[in-house]
Protein backbone atom coordinates (compact mmCIF):
# COMPACT_ATOMS: atom_id res chain seq x y z
CA MET A 1 -40.52 13.28 63.62
CA GLN A 2 -40.20 10.25 61.33
CA ALA A 3 -40.10 10.50 57.56
CA ILE A 4 -39.12 8.58 54.43
CA VAL A 5 -36.00 10.34 53.14
CA LYS A 6 -33.95 10.13 49.97
CA ARG A 7 -30.59 10.85 51.61
CA SER A 8 -28.33 10.85 48.58
CA ALA A 9 -28.23 10.20 44.87
CA GLY A 10 -28.80 6.53 44.07
CA PRO A 11 -31.41 3.83 44.62
CA GLY A 12 -33.22 3.50 47.93
CA VAL A 13 -34.77 5.59 50.69
CA GLU A 14 -34.67 5.32 54.48
CA LEU A 15 -36.91 5.81 57.47
CA ALA A 16 -35.26 8.59 59.47
CA ASP A 17 -35.79 11.02 62.31
CA VAL A 18 -35.88 14.56 60.96
CA PRO A 19 -36.60 17.96 62.52
CA PRO A 20 -40.30 18.85 62.48
CA PRO A 21 -41.18 21.58 59.97
CA ARG A 22 -42.46 25.01 61.00
CA PRO A 23 -45.00 27.01 59.00
CA GLY A 24 -43.84 30.33 57.64
CA PRO A 25 -45.98 33.23 56.41
CA GLY A 26 -48.80 31.99 54.22
CA GLU A 27 -48.18 28.36 55.14
CA ALA A 28 -49.92 25.64 57.14
CA LEU A 29 -48.49 22.80 59.20
CA LEU A 30 -50.47 19.62 58.53
CA GLU A 31 -50.56 16.35 60.40
CA VAL A 32 -50.32 13.67 57.72
CA LEU A 33 -53.21 11.27 58.28
CA VAL A 34 -52.66 9.14 55.19
CA ALA A 35 -50.47 9.37 52.09
CA GLY A 36 -50.59 7.49 48.79
CA ILE A 37 -47.76 5.96 46.78
CA CYS A 38 -47.56 7.12 43.17
CA GLY A 39 -45.45 6.08 40.20
CA THR A 40 -43.39 9.23 40.71
CA ASP A 41 -42.38 7.96 44.15
CA LEU A 42 -41.18 4.69 42.60
CA HIS A 43 -39.01 6.64 40.14
CA ILE A 44 -37.40 8.44 43.08
CA VAL A 45 -36.88 5.25 45.08
CA ASP A 46 -35.34 3.49 42.07
CA TRP A 47 -33.39 6.63 41.06
CA THR A 48 -34.35 6.49 37.41
CA PRO A 49 -32.79 8.97 34.95
CA TRP A 50 -35.81 11.24 35.40
CA ALA A 51 -35.35 11.31 39.19
CA ALA A 52 -31.59 11.81 38.91
CA GLY A 53 -32.17 14.82 36.68
CA ARG A 54 -34.89 16.38 38.85
CA VAL A 55 -34.51 15.56 42.56
CA ALA A 56 -31.84 17.16 44.75
CA PRO A 57 -31.31 15.03 47.91
CA PRO A 58 -31.81 15.06 50.79
CA ARG A 59 -35.57 15.07 50.21
CA ILE A 60 -38.59 13.76 52.09
CA VAL A 61 -40.63 12.01 49.39
CA GLY A 62 -44.36 11.65 48.79
CA HIS A 63 -47.01 14.01 47.44
CA GLU A 64 -50.52 12.53 47.83
CA MET A 65 -52.12 13.09 51.23
CA ALA A 66 -54.92 13.99 53.52
CA GLY A 67 -54.07 15.97 56.63
CA ARG A 68 -55.36 17.91 59.55
CA VAL A 69 -54.32 21.50 60.20
CA LEU A 70 -52.05 21.69 63.25
CA ALA A 71 -50.81 25.28 63.00
CA VAL A 72 -50.66 28.17 60.56
CA GLY A 73 -48.20 30.91 59.77
CA ALA A 74 -48.70 34.65 59.61
CA GLY A 75 -51.33 35.85 57.17
CA VAL A 76 -53.24 32.56 56.97
CA ASP A 77 -56.91 33.26 57.53
CA ARG A 78 -58.76 30.67 55.44
CA LEU A 79 -57.92 27.52 57.39
CA ARG A 80 -59.12 26.36 60.80
CA ILE A 81 -57.04 24.39 63.28
CA GLY A 82 -58.20 20.77 63.16
CA GLU A 83 -59.69 21.07 59.67
CA LEU A 84 -59.44 18.07 57.32
CA VAL A 85 -57.76 19.00 54.03
CA GLY A 86 -56.56 17.46 50.82
CA VAL A 87 -53.42 18.92 49.27
CA GLU A 88 -52.74 20.08 45.73
CA SER A 89 -49.20 18.80 45.21
CA HIS A 90 -48.21 21.29 42.50
CA LEU A 91 -46.88 24.53 43.96
CA VAL A 92 -47.03 27.36 41.43
CA ASP A 93 -45.46 30.81 41.40
CA GLY A 94 -48.71 32.69 40.72
CA SER A 95 -46.98 35.38 38.70
CA CYS A 96 -45.91 33.82 35.41
CA ARG A 97 -47.78 34.29 32.14
CA GLU A 98 -49.70 31.04 32.54
CA CYS A 99 -50.68 31.70 36.16
CA ARG A 100 -51.87 35.20 35.32
CA ARG A 101 -54.17 33.60 32.76
CA GLY A 102 -55.52 31.16 35.35
CA GLN A 103 -53.68 28.19 33.80
CA PHE A 104 -51.96 27.22 37.03
CA HIS A 105 -51.63 23.57 36.01
CA VAL A 106 -49.07 24.50 33.32
CA CYS A 107 -47.03 26.97 35.39
CA ALA A 108 -43.46 26.70 34.10
CA ALA A 109 -42.11 27.25 37.61
CA THR A 110 -44.15 24.44 39.21
CA ARG A 111 -42.55 22.74 42.20
CA ILE A 112 -43.88 19.38 43.35
CA LEU A 113 -44.19 18.10 46.89
CA GLY A 114 -41.79 15.25 47.52
CA VAL A 115 -39.84 16.10 44.36
CA ASP A 116 -38.69 19.72 44.58
CA VAL A 117 -39.67 20.39 48.21
CA ASP A 118 -40.13 18.08 51.19
CA GLY A 119 -43.17 15.86 50.89
CA THR A 120 -45.79 13.80 52.62
CA PHE A 121 -44.32 10.47 53.76
CA ALA A 122 -43.84 11.94 57.21
CA SER A 123 -45.67 12.71 60.42
CA ALA A 124 -46.21 16.29 59.26
CA VAL A 125 -45.62 18.56 56.30
CA VAL A 126 -45.71 22.30 55.62
CA VAL A 127 -47.55 23.51 52.51
CA PRO A 128 -48.81 26.87 51.27
CA GLU A 129 -52.29 27.78 52.47
CA ARG A 130 -53.31 28.07 48.83
CA ASN A 131 -52.64 24.36 48.27
CA CYS A 132 -54.91 23.15 51.09
CA TRP A 133 -58.35 21.97 49.96
CA PRO A 134 -60.82 21.84 52.90
CA SER A 135 -62.78 18.62 52.54
CA PRO A 136 -65.95 17.17 54.10
CA GLU A 137 -65.27 15.11 57.21
CA ALA A 138 -67.73 12.51 55.92
CA LEU A 139 -65.35 11.58 53.10
CA GLY A 140 -62.70 10.32 55.51
CA PRO A 141 -58.93 10.74 55.07
CA GLU A 142 -58.43 7.97 52.48
CA ARG A 143 -60.87 9.42 49.97
CA VAL A 144 -59.66 12.94 50.66
CA ALA A 145 -56.10 11.83 49.88
CA PHE A 146 -57.26 10.09 46.71
CA GLN A 147 -58.63 13.36 45.34
CA GLU A 148 -55.13 14.25 44.13
CA PRO A 149 -54.64 11.29 41.74
CA MET A 150 -58.37 11.14 41.00
CA GLY A 151 -58.05 14.75 39.90
CA ASN A 152 -55.83 13.65 37.01
CA ALA A 153 -58.65 11.43 35.80
CA ALA A 154 -61.26 14.13 36.31
CA HIS A 155 -59.13 16.66 34.41
CA ALA A 156 -58.69 14.23 31.50
CA ALA A 157 -62.36 13.27 31.43
CA ALA A 158 -63.51 16.89 31.42
CA LYS A 159 -61.85 17.68 28.08
CA GLY A 160 -64.80 16.55 25.98
CA PRO A 161 -68.40 15.34 26.13
CA LEU A 162 -69.06 12.00 27.83
CA PRO A 163 -72.89 11.70 28.05
CA GLY A 164 -73.94 9.00 25.61
CA ALA A 165 -70.36 8.42 24.47
CA ALA A 166 -68.58 5.14 23.84
CA VAL A 167 -65.44 5.54 25.95
CA LEU A 168 -62.17 3.63 25.75
CA VAL A 169 -59.90 3.79 28.83
CA THR A 170 -56.38 2.50 28.17
CA GLY A 171 -54.54 1.70 31.39
CA SER A 172 -56.51 0.55 34.43
CA GLY A 173 -54.34 1.58 37.34
CA PRO A 174 -55.94 3.69 40.09
CA ILE A 175 -56.19 6.76 37.83
CA GLY A 176 -57.54 4.81 34.87
CA CYS A 177 -60.11 3.07 37.06
CA ALA A 178 -61.12 6.41 38.53
CA ALA A 179 -61.63 7.61 34.93
CA VAL A 180 -63.93 4.63 34.36
CA GLY A 181 -66.02 5.67 37.38
CA ILE A 182 -66.16 9.27 36.19
CA ALA A 183 -67.20 8.27 32.67
CA ARG A 184 -69.96 6.14 34.17
CA ALA A 185 -71.09 9.02 36.41
CA GLU A 186 -71.15 11.34 33.40
CA GLY A 187 -73.48 9.07 31.46
CA ALA A 188 -71.22 7.26 29.01
CA SER A 189 -73.21 4.72 27.00
CA ARG A 190 -70.50 2.07 26.98
CA ILE A 191 -67.06 1.86 28.61
CA LEU A 192 -64.19 -0.45 27.68
CA ALA A 193 -61.18 -0.67 30.02
CA VAL A 194 -57.80 -2.05 29.01
CA ASP A 195 -54.94 -3.46 31.08
CA ARG A 196 -52.59 -6.43 31.38
CA THR A 197 -53.38 -7.59 34.93
CA PRO A 198 -56.53 -9.44 36.00
CA GLU A 199 -56.68 -7.62 39.33
CA ARG A 200 -56.82 -4.21 37.70
CA LEU A 201 -59.32 -5.32 35.10
CA ALA A 202 -61.51 -6.55 37.97
CA MET A 203 -61.21 -3.10 39.56
CA ALA A 204 -62.24 -1.50 36.27
CA ARG A 205 -65.35 -3.67 36.19
CA ALA A 206 -66.11 -2.71 39.79
CA MET A 207 -65.88 0.95 38.77
CA GLY A 208 -68.39 0.52 35.94
CA ALA A 209 -66.62 -0.82 32.86
CA ASP A 210 -69.00 -2.75 30.59
CA GLU A 211 -66.19 -4.76 29.06
CA VAL A 212 -62.45 -5.22 29.49
CA VAL A 213 -59.54 -6.27 27.28
CA ASP A 214 -56.55 -8.13 28.70
CA THR A 215 -53.66 -7.08 26.47
CA THR A 216 -51.70 -10.23 27.32
CA GLN A 217 -54.36 -12.21 25.47
CA VAL A 218 -54.47 -10.13 22.27
CA ALA A 219 -51.76 -9.64 19.65
CA PRO A 220 -50.80 -5.97 19.18
CA ALA A 221 -52.00 -6.03 15.58
CA ASP A 222 -55.44 -7.19 16.75
CA LEU A 223 -55.96 -4.68 19.57
CA ALA A 224 -57.97 -2.16 17.54
CA GLU A 225 -60.37 -4.90 16.47
CA ALA A 226 -60.67 -6.10 20.07
CA PHE A 227 -61.40 -2.55 21.21
CA GLU A 228 -64.15 -2.12 18.62
CA ASP A 229 -65.63 -5.49 19.51
CA GLY A 230 -65.74 -4.54 23.19
CA LEU A 231 -67.28 -1.16 22.46
CA ARG A 232 -69.63 -2.58 19.79
CA GLY A 233 -68.29 0.03 17.41
CA PRO A 234 -65.77 2.88 17.34
CA ALA A 235 -64.90 4.97 20.36
CA ASP A 236 -66.19 8.52 20.69
CA ALA A 237 -63.61 9.32 23.37
CA VAL A 238 -60.35 7.82 24.60
CA LEU A 239 -58.87 8.41 28.04
CA GLU A 240 -55.27 7.31 27.58
CA MET A 241 -53.67 6.58 30.97
CA SER A 242 -50.94 4.07 30.09
CA GLY A 243 -48.34 5.90 28.02
CA ASP A 244 -47.97 2.68 26.01
CA PRO A 245 -47.37 3.57 22.32
CA VAL A 246 -48.92 0.27 21.20
CA LEU A 247 -52.15 1.08 23.05
CA LEU A 248 -52.14 4.63 21.72
CA GLU A 249 -51.76 3.39 18.15
CA ALA A 250 -54.68 0.99 18.62
CA ALA A 251 -56.75 3.71 20.30
CA LEU A 252 -56.20 6.06 17.36
CA ALA A 253 -57.37 3.33 15.02
CA THR A 254 -60.45 2.81 17.19
CA VAL A 255 -61.61 6.38 17.78
CA ALA A 256 -64.26 7.60 15.37
CA PRO A 257 -63.63 10.53 13.02
CA GLY A 258 -64.32 13.72 14.96
CA GLY A 259 -63.59 11.98 18.26
CA TRP A 260 -61.24 13.10 21.01
CA ILE A 261 -58.40 11.66 23.05
CA SER A 262 -57.06 12.83 26.41
CA LEU A 263 -53.39 11.93 26.79
CA LEU A 264 -52.32 11.58 30.43
CA GLY A 265 -49.91 8.61 30.36
CA LEU A 266 -46.24 9.34 29.71
CA GLY A 267 -44.76 7.23 26.94
CA ASN A 268 -41.83 4.88 27.41
CA PRO A 269 -40.77 4.38 24.68
CA LYS A 270 -42.05 7.47 22.95
CA ALA A 271 -45.00 7.21 20.60
CA VAL A 272 -44.59 8.04 16.90
CA LEU A 273 -47.76 9.25 15.20
CA ASP A 274 -48.70 9.83 11.58
CA LEU A 275 -50.45 13.12 12.34
CA ASP A 276 -51.55 13.70 8.74
CA ARG A 277 -53.34 10.38 8.32
CA GLU A 278 -54.35 9.51 11.88
CA VAL A 279 -55.25 12.91 13.32
CA VAL A 280 -55.60 15.79 10.84
CA MET A 281 -57.52 14.07 8.06
CA ARG A 282 -59.85 12.37 10.54
CA GLY A 283 -60.56 15.49 12.60
CA ILE A 284 -59.31 13.92 15.85
CA THR A 285 -58.74 16.26 18.80
CA LEU A 286 -55.80 15.44 21.08
CA PHE A 287 -55.59 16.92 24.57
CA GLY A 288 -52.36 16.90 26.55
CA VAL A 289 -53.33 16.64 30.22
CA VAL A 290 -51.05 17.47 33.12
CA GLY A 291 -51.98 17.60 36.79
CA ARG A 292 -55.23 19.13 37.93
CA GLN A 293 -56.86 22.45 37.13
CA GLN A 294 -56.51 24.60 40.22
CA PHE A 295 -59.02 24.39 41.66
CA GLN A 296 -61.87 23.54 39.32
CA THR A 297 -60.79 19.89 39.27
CA TRP A 298 -60.90 19.70 43.07
CA GLU A 299 -64.48 20.94 42.96
CA LEU A 300 -65.27 18.09 40.57
CA THR A 301 -63.63 15.36 42.67
CA THR A 302 -65.32 16.60 45.86
CA ARG A 303 -68.68 16.60 44.13
CA TYR A 304 -68.21 13.11 42.68
CA LEU A 305 -67.16 11.68 46.04
CA ALA A 306 -69.50 13.59 48.36
CA SER A 307 -72.55 12.83 46.21
CA GLY A 308 -71.70 9.16 45.89
CA ALA A 309 -71.66 9.45 42.09
CA VAL A 310 -68.20 7.84 42.13
CA ASP A 311 -67.24 5.32 44.80
CA VAL A 312 -63.47 4.85 44.86
CA GLY A 313 -63.59 2.28 47.64
CA PRO A 314 -62.65 -0.59 45.27
CA LEU A 315 -59.44 1.27 44.37
CA LEU A 316 -58.10 1.67 47.93
CA THR A 317 -56.60 -1.77 48.25
CA HIS A 318 -53.46 -1.77 50.42
CA ARG A 319 -52.49 -0.07 53.69
CA PHE A 320 -49.12 0.02 55.45
CA PRO A 321 -47.57 1.89 58.39
CA LEU A 322 -44.65 4.17 57.62
CA ALA A 323 -42.20 1.63 59.06
CA GLN A 324 -43.23 -0.88 56.36
CA PHE A 325 -42.60 1.50 53.48
CA GLY A 326 -40.34 -1.01 51.71
CA GLN A 327 -43.11 -3.60 51.65
CA ALA A 328 -45.55 -0.98 50.42
CA VAL A 329 -43.22 -0.06 47.56
CA ALA A 330 -42.94 -3.71 46.55
CA VAL A 331 -46.74 -4.00 46.35
CA ALA A 332 -47.02 -0.76 44.37
CA ARG A 333 -44.26 -1.80 41.99
CA ALA A 334 -45.95 -5.13 41.29
CA GLY A 335 -48.82 -3.15 39.73
CA ARG A 336 -51.46 -5.74 40.49
CA GLY A 337 -53.66 -3.76 42.88
CA GLY A 338 -55.03 -0.30 43.42
CA LYS A 339 -53.83 2.58 45.54
CA VAL A 340 -51.24 1.74 48.19
CA LEU A 341 -51.74 3.92 51.27
CA ILE A 342 -49.20 4.84 53.93
CA TYR A 343 -50.16 5.64 57.52
CA PRO A 344 -47.46 7.64 59.31
CA GLY A 345 -48.87 6.65 62.73
CA ASP A 346 -50.32 8.94 65.35
CA GLY A 347 -48.73 11.97 63.70
CA SER A 348 -46.97 13.03 66.88
CA ILE A 349 -44.25 15.63 66.48
CA ARG A 350 -41.45 15.71 69.04
CA ASP A 351 -39.91 19.09 69.78
């Protein structure tokens, strides 16, 4: 079958013929219908220090997908052949202290599809049965695949109360824009979205933002004032999706005493906070958010999408066949659109 492979250490990937995978006990073989490009994939393509310290080539990359069950291994009894599934990309050990407490999303032994094991930019992939999320056919493969990144937004948004809240969303990529839609579905009174590209700010408006702030048009020292102007007062909640320390500093200055902040974006450079003055003495609650809760978050994303409460159509902006992966990466790296989707083709597997 064909796949996008990181052959060796260093920048770049290649389209290659690789042996088709076979499901072992407790595993399912999935035809990959559609897969999404994520920032993690760009790190692997570019071979950033993070990728060099984590990924052991050769590796098939990719981790967001929707698939159809082609075959199952011994002991698999929950899945049906032909069933449409989303895939939880974090593979946990199930036996560590955190897993035994039901905190699978912080399992210290987590392996990630396309990072630690072969991933989803391929005609087919093998994953544990546990990681397959049967999804309504009516959603279609693109929305089913988007449940994985949308789950990050749903996890972050579920950390505190949103009904009636003034919500600041910093970073309006696909996950940030999904957070805007979720905040709107949950009854936020006013939503302000922040980004530096007009295209993504337009997506945020399409998802329900009342107002937006273009950070290229505001001096860093004036961001907090701009946020309060857009919200017509302080924020009750902040969904921080950018990792930008300047935005985090402004968000902390904007959030009301007793408010809460979900931190999903990874900082580069790292943020430095005055915890005494900015957090402790103002009663601010900070939540570190990683991945998705397994599988409460998947229940949330399915409900949002199946009910129509959140329409992610405006976020699914670019589509490419597997053979045009390089072009797809260039679009994703430009950061001016929404989710870039990869179609591996007819999914045929040659024995």
